[in-house]
Amino acid sequence: LSSMGAKVIKVEQPGVGDYYRVQIPEGINLGGGFFENLHAGHQSITLDLKQPSGPAILLKLIKTADVVMESFRPGTLQRLGFSFAKLKKANKKIILCSITGYGQKGPKSGLAGHDLNFLADSGLYSLLDPAGTVIPDFQMVDLAAGYEAVLAILQQLTVPKAKRRAVWLDVSMQSA
């Protein structure tokens, strides 16, 4: 979205940040590589939503945002005090896009999922590595879900702002 001109503010956990900044399977520091490429044009801030000032800062950002994108397990955003109802109250035209492993509802909705799980479930893993001995070093399903999310967001942004209403987009990595 930032490559299309959107102002993107990436909220990261203080002290930890985005794990992808420094970690791949062998623990090699990616430094100026993949992370910067995937997040080019983004502003990053750290924000602790469990501290008193954190929620107030996030709410201030939400009031002026067009889109909130999150990738917590279902129910986490609500437990942090940011239910869809609260987001709508703060911004009646907000687009909330949730990317989860298995969607918001269903028997697997609360489970964590990893790219390898989804590749295996779809049968793609057997095409990449018939022997089943190598873990791919590229997160195909993660990126596919990201592209699906961007398409869904762009579809909502084509609605004239005067007619737009708050909407919650649920992107499941399993279905991507």
C-alpha atoms as a PDB file:
ATOM      1  CA  LEU A   1       0.000   0.000   0.000  1.00  0.00           C
ATOM      2  CA  SER A   2       2.852   2.378   0.731  1.00  0.00           C
ATOM      3  CA  SER A   3       4.257   1.802  -2.768  1.00  0.00           C
ATOM      4  CA  MET A   4       0.912   3.106  -4.057  1.00  0.00           C
ATOM      5  CA  GLY A   5       1.166   6.289  -2.024  1.00  0.00           C
ATOM      6  CA  ALA A   6      -0.483   5.292   1.250  1.00  0.00           C
ATOM      7  CA  LYS A   7       0.990   6.507   4.525  1.00  0.00           C
ATOM      8  CA  VAL A   8       1.637   3.302   6.467  1.00  0.00           C
ATOM      9  CA  ILE A   9       2.448   3.338  10.164  1.00  0.00           C
ATOM     10  CA  LYS A  10       3.600  -0.057  11.425  1.00  0.00           C
ATOM     11  CA  VAL A  11       3.038  -0.536  15.153  1.00  0.00           C
ATOM     12  CA  GLU A  12       5.548  -2.858  16.797  1.00  0.00           C
ATOM     13  CA  GLN A  13       6.004  -4.199  20.301  1.00  0.00           C
ATOM     14  CA  PRO A  14       8.585  -2.275  22.368  1.00  0.00           C
ATOM     15  CA  GLY A  15      11.804  -4.157  23.015  1.00  0.00           C
ATOM     16  CA  VAL A  16      10.922  -6.870  20.524  1.00  0.00           C
ATOM     17  CA  GLY A  17       9.760  -5.158  17.365  1.00  0.00           C
ATOM     18  CA  ASP A  18       9.082  -7.274  14.326  1.00  0.00           C
ATOM     19  CA  TYR A  19      10.854 -10.627  14.659  1.00  0.00           C
ATOM     20  CA  TYR A  20      11.521 -10.661  10.931  1.00  0.00           C
ATOM     21  CA  ARG A  21      13.974  -7.785  11.336  1.00  0.00           C
ATOM     22  CA  VAL A  22      16.606 -10.125  12.756  1.00  0.00           C
ATOM     23  CA  GLN A  23      15.505 -13.734  12.526  1.00  0.00           C
ATOM     24  CA  ILE A  24      15.321 -16.419   9.876  1.00  0.00           C
ATOM     25  CA  PRO A  25      15.624 -20.182  10.494  1.00  0.00           C
ATOM     26  CA  GLU A  26      19.412 -20.132  10.941  1.00  0.00           C
ATOM     27  CA  GLY A  27      19.270 -16.912  12.990  1.00  0.00           C
ATOM     28  CA  ILE A  28      21.072 -14.920  10.312  1.00  0.00           C
ATOM     29  CA  ASN A  29      20.548 -11.183  10.673  1.00  0.00           C
ATOM     30  CA  LEU A  30      18.713  -9.961   7.576  1.00  0.00           C
ATOM     31  CA  GLY A  31      19.743  -6.380   8.302  1.00  0.00           C
ATOM     32  CA  GLY A  32      19.108  -4.272   5.196  1.00  0.00           C
ATOM     33  CA  GLY A  33      17.481  -7.049   3.207  1.00  0.00           C
ATOM     34  CA  PHE A  34      14.083  -8.712   3.187  1.00  0.00           C
ATOM     35  CA  PHE A  35      12.537  -6.759   6.056  1.00  0.00           C
ATOM     36  CA  GLU A  36      13.321  -3.403   4.494  1.00  0.00           C
ATOM     37  CA  ASN A  37      12.060  -4.611   1.126  1.00  0.00           C
ATOM     38  CA  LEU A  38       8.761  -5.893   2.536  1.00  0.00           C
ATOM     39  CA  HIS A  39       8.245  -2.760   4.647  1.00  0.00           C
ATOM     40  CA  ALA A  40       9.630  -0.133   2.265  1.00  0.00           C
ATOM     41  CA  GLY A  41       7.979   3.225   2.779  1.00  0.00           C
ATOM     42  CA  HIS A  42       6.491   2.308   6.153  1.00  0.00           C
ATOM     43  CA  GLN A  43       6.978   4.351   9.271  1.00  0.00           C
ATOM     44  CA  SER A  44       7.511   2.183  12.337  1.00  0.00           C
ATOM     45  CA  ILE A  45       6.622   3.055  15.908  1.00  0.00           C
ATOM     46  CA  THR A  46       6.704   0.998  19.075  1.00  0.00           C
ATOM     47  CA  LEU A  47       3.630   1.003  21.228  1.00  0.00           C
ATOM     48  CA  ASP A  48       2.748  -1.001  24.326  1.00  0.00           C
ATOM     49  CA  LEU A  49      -1.023  -1.436  24.386  1.00  0.00           C
ATOM     50  CA  LYS A  50      -0.838  -2.767  27.941  1.00  0.00           C
ATOM     51  CA  GLN A  51       0.512   0.551  29.256  1.00  0.00           C
ATOM     52  CA  PRO A  52      -1.880   3.475  29.977  1.00  0.00           C
ATOM     53  CA  SER A  53      -0.556   5.715  27.187  1.00  0.00           C
ATOM     54  CA  GLY A  54      -0.526   2.987  24.509  1.00  0.00           C
ATOM     55  CA  PRO A  55      -4.259   2.683  23.850  1.00  0.00           C
ATOM     56  CA  ALA A  56      -4.716   6.471  23.786  1.00  0.00           C
ATOM     57  CA  ILE A  57      -1.994   6.848  21.155  1.00  0.00           C
ATOM     58  CA  LEU A  58      -3.421   4.032  19.032  1.00  0.00           C
ATOM     59  CA  LEU A  59      -6.943   5.466  19.302  1.00  0.00           C
ATOM     60  CA  LYS A  60      -5.642   8.846  18.128  1.00  0.00           C
ATOM     61  CA  LEU A  61      -4.091   7.163  15.073  1.00  0.00           C
ATOM     62  CA  ILE A  62      -7.302   5.215  14.357  1.00  0.00           C
ATOM     63  CA  LYS A  63      -9.413   8.387  14.370  1.00  0.00           C
ATOM     64  CA  THR A  64      -7.563   9.701  11.310  1.00  0.00           C
ATOM     65  CA  ALA A  65      -6.801   6.393   9.563  1.00  0.00           C
ATOM     66  CA  ASP A  66      -8.570   4.823   6.626  1.00  0.00           C
ATOM     67  CA  VAL A  67      -7.393   1.296   7.431  1.00  0.00           C
ATOM     68  CA  VAL A  68      -6.281  -0.727  10.440  1.00  0.00           C
ATOM     69  CA  MET A  69      -4.573  -3.984   9.569  1.00  0.00           C
ATOM     70  CA  GLU A  70      -3.861  -6.561  12.258  1.00  0.00           C
ATOM     71  CA  SER A  71      -2.605 -10.115  12.382  1.00  0.00           C
ATOM     72  CA  PHE A  72      -3.377 -11.243  15.909  1.00  0.00           C
ATOM     73  CA  ARG A  73      -5.189 -14.460  16.707  1.00  0.00           C
ATOM     74  CA  PRO A  74      -8.977 -13.988  16.742  1.00  0.00           C
ATOM     75  CA  GLY A  75     -10.150 -12.113  19.826  1.00  0.00           C
ATOM     76  CA  THR A  76      -6.760 -10.592  20.704  1.00  0.00           C
ATOM     77  CA  LEU A  77      -7.539  -7.114  19.394  1.00  0.00           C
ATOM     78  CA  GLN A  78     -10.759  -7.125  21.426  1.00  0.00           C
ATOM     79  CA  ARG A  79      -8.909  -8.304  24.556  1.00  0.00           C
ATOM     80  CA  LEU A  80      -6.534  -5.379  24.052  1.00  0.00           C
ATOM     81  CA  GLY A  81      -9.563  -3.066  24.168  1.00  0.00           C
ATOM     82  CA  PHE A  82     -10.002  -2.479  20.440  1.00  0.00           C
ATOM     83  CA  SER A  83     -13.120  -4.344  19.373  1.00  0.00           C
ATOM     84  CA  PHE A  84     -14.536  -3.597  15.942  1.00  0.00           C
ATOM     85  CA  ALA A  85     -17.368  -1.738  17.701  1.00  0.00           C
ATOM     86  CA  LYS A  86     -14.828   0.515  19.446  1.00  0.00           C
ATOM     87  CA  LEU A  87     -12.973   1.146  16.188  1.00  0.00           C
ATOM     88  CA  LYS A  88     -16.264   2.049  14.447  1.00  0.00           C
ATOM     89  CA  LYS A  89     -17.134   4.425  17.266  1.00  0.00           C
ATOM     90  CA  ALA A  90     -13.759   6.149  16.901  1.00  0.00           C
ATOM     91  CA  ASN A  91     -13.926   6.249  13.098  1.00  0.00           C
ATOM     92  CA  LYS A  92     -17.237   5.505  11.377  1.00  0.00           C
ATOM     93  CA  LYS A  93     -15.510   4.818   8.038  1.00  0.00           C
ATOM     94  CA  ILE A  94     -12.665   2.622   9.293  1.00  0.00           C
ATOM     95  CA  ILE A  95     -11.646  -0.457   7.341  1.00  0.00           C
ATOM     96  CA  LEU A  96     -10.397  -3.155   9.716  1.00  0.00           C
ATOM     97  CA  CYS A  97      -8.491  -5.913   7.956  1.00  0.00           C
ATOM     98  CA  SER A  98      -7.618  -8.978  10.026  1.00  0.00           C
ATOM     99  CA  ILE A  99      -5.220 -11.570   8.673  1.00  0.00           C
ATOM    100  CA  THR A 100      -5.449 -14.814  10.618  1.00  0.00           C
ATOM    101  CA  GLY A 101      -4.381 -18.371  10.035  1.00  0.00           C
ATOM    102  CA  TYR A 102      -7.855 -19.875   9.850  1.00  0.00           C
ATOM    103  CA  GLY A 103     -10.340 -16.990   9.970  1.00  0.00           C
ATOM    104  CA  GLN A 104     -12.310 -15.445  12.828  1.00  0.00           C
ATOM    105  CA  LYS A 105     -14.671 -18.396  13.364  1.00  0.00           C
ATOM    106  CA  GLY A 106     -14.540 -22.131  12.990  1.00  0.00           C
ATOM    107  CA  PRO A 107     -12.887 -25.136  14.596  1.00  0.00           C
ATOM    108  CA  LYS A 108      -9.321 -23.973  13.870  1.00  0.00           C
ATOM    109  CA  SER A 109      -9.854 -20.212  14.317  1.00  0.00           C
ATOM    110  CA  GLY A 110      -7.833 -19.917  17.535  1.00  0.00           C
ATOM    111  CA  LEU A 111      -4.887 -21.923  16.272  1.00  0.00           C
ATOM    112  CA  ALA A 112      -1.610 -20.459  15.171  1.00  0.00           C
ATOM    113  CA  GLY A 113      -0.650 -21.283  11.645  1.00  0.00           C
ATOM    114  CA  HIS A 114       2.648 -21.070   9.871  1.00  0.00           C
ATOM    115  CA  ASP A 115       3.436 -20.887   6.198  1.00  0.00           C
ATOM    116  CA  LEU A 116       4.640 -24.486   6.196  1.00  0.00           C
ATOM    117  CA  ASN A 117       1.299 -25.679   7.656  1.00  0.00           C
ATOM    118  CA  PHE A 118      -0.661 -24.027   4.877  1.00  0.00           C
ATOM    119  CA  LEU A 119       1.706 -25.235   2.162  1.00  0.00           C
ATOM    120  CA  ALA A 120       1.334 -28.792   3.483  1.00  0.00           C
ATOM    121  CA  ASP A 121      -2.467 -28.558   3.843  1.00  0.00           C
ATOM    122  CA  SER A 122      -2.792 -27.339   0.256  1.00  0.00           C
ATOM    123  CA  GLY A 123      -0.456 -29.979  -1.153  1.00  0.00           C
ATOM    124  CA  LEU A 124       1.999 -27.364  -2.450  1.00  0.00           C
ATOM    125  CA  TYR A 125       4.740 -28.485  -0.100  1.00  0.00           C
ATOM    126  CA  SER A 126       4.906 -31.893  -1.782  1.00  0.00           C
ATOM    127  CA  LEU A 127       5.475 -30.139  -5.107  1.00  0.00           C
ATOM    128  CA  LEU A 128       8.257 -27.960  -3.679  1.00  0.00           C
ATOM    129  CA  ASP A 129      10.047 -30.773  -1.876  1.00  0.00           C
ATOM    130  CA  PRO A 130       8.756 -34.290  -2.641  1.00  0.00           C
ATOM    131  CA  ALA A 131      11.144 -35.770  -0.050  1.00  0.00           C
ATOM    132  CA  GLY A 132       9.759 -33.464   2.666  1.00  0.00           C
ATOM    133  CA  THR A 133      13.194 -32.643   4.005  1.00  0.00           C
ATOM    134  CA  VAL A 134      13.557 -28.916   3.325  1.00  0.00           C
ATOM    135  CA  ILE A 135      11.720 -25.989   4.850  1.00  0.00           C
ATOM    136  CA  PRO A 136      11.219 -23.337   2.150  1.00  0.00           C
ATOM    137  CA  ASP A 137      13.025 -20.090   2.935  1.00  0.00           C
ATOM    138  CA  PHE A 138      10.277 -17.977   1.393  1.00  0.00           C
ATOM    139  CA  GLN A 139       6.881 -17.418   3.002  1.00  0.00           C
ATOM    140  CA  MET A 140       4.577 -17.872   0.020  1.00  0.00           C
ATOM    141  CA  VAL A 141       1.294 -18.108   1.920  1.00  0.00           C
ATOM    142  CA  ASP A 142       2.124 -15.093   4.096  1.00  0.00           C
ATOM    143  CA  LEU A 143       2.654 -13.002   0.979  1.00  0.00           C
ATOM    144  CA  ALA A 144      -0.421 -14.418  -0.773  1.00  0.00           C
ATOM    145  CA  ALA A 145      -2.563 -13.499   2.237  1.00  0.00           C
ATOM    146  CA  GLY A 146      -0.998 -10.032   2.248  1.00  0.00           C
ATOM    147  CA  TYR A 147      -1.872  -9.557  -1.414  1.00  0.00           C
ATOM    148  CA  GLU A 148      -5.413 -10.802  -0.779  1.00  0.00           C
ATOM    149  CA  ALA A 149      -5.701  -8.293   2.064  1.00  0.00           C
ATOM    150  CA  VAL A 150      -4.442  -5.450  -0.134  1.00  0.00           C
ATOM    151  CA  LEU A 151      -6.959  -6.318  -2.846  1.00  0.00           C
ATOM    152  CA  ALA A 152      -9.815  -6.384  -0.326  1.00  0.00           C
ATOM    153  CA  ILE A 153      -8.691  -3.054   1.157  1.00  0.00           C
ATOM    154  CA  LEU A 154      -8.367  -1.423  -2.256  1.00  0.00           C
ATOM    155  CA  GLN A 155     -11.856  -2.642  -3.158  1.00  0.00           C
ATOM    156  CA  GLN A 156     -13.229  -0.911  -0.054  1.00  0.00           C
ATOM    157  CA  LEU A 157     -11.256   2.258  -0.771  1.00  0.00           C
ATOM    158  CA  THR A 158     -12.923   2.533  -4.179  1.00  0.00           C
ATOM    159  CA  VAL A 159     -16.217   3.231  -2.398  1.00  0.00           C
ATOM    160  CA  PRO A 160     -16.633   7.015  -2.349  1.00  0.00           C
ATOM    161  CA  LYS A 161     -15.740   8.291   1.121  1.00  0.00           C
ATOM    162  CA  ALA A 162     -19.168   9.926   1.526  1.00  0.00           C
ATOM    163  CA  LYS A 163     -20.813   6.502   1.089  1.00  0.00           C
ATOM    164  CA  ARG A 164     -18.243   4.410   2.927  1.00  0.00           C
ATOM    165  CA  ARG A 165     -19.165   2.659   6.150  1.00  0.00           C
ATOM    166  CA  ALA A 166     -16.945   0.802   8.585  1.00  0.00           C
ATOM    167  CA  VAL A 167     -16.180  -2.720   7.448  1.00  0.00           C
ATOM    168  CA  TRP A 168     -14.274  -5.670   8.873  1.00  0.00           C
ATOM    169  CA  LEU A 169     -12.351  -7.711   6.312  1.00  0.00           C
ATOM    170  CA  ASP A 170     -11.396 -11.222   7.437  1.00  0.00           C
ATOM    171  CA  VAL A 171      -8.507 -12.683   5.436  1.00  0.00           C
ATOM    172  CA  SER A 172      -7.658 -16.277   6.249  1.00  0.00           C
ATOM    173  CA  MET A 173      -4.212 -17.542   5.331  1.00  0.00           C
ATOM    174  CA  GLN A 174      -5.694 -20.988   4.884  1.00  0.00           C
ATOM    175  CA  SER A 175      -7.993 -19.701   2.154  1.00  0.00           C
ATOM    176  CA  ALA A 176      -5.322 -17.521   0.513  1.00  0.00           C
END
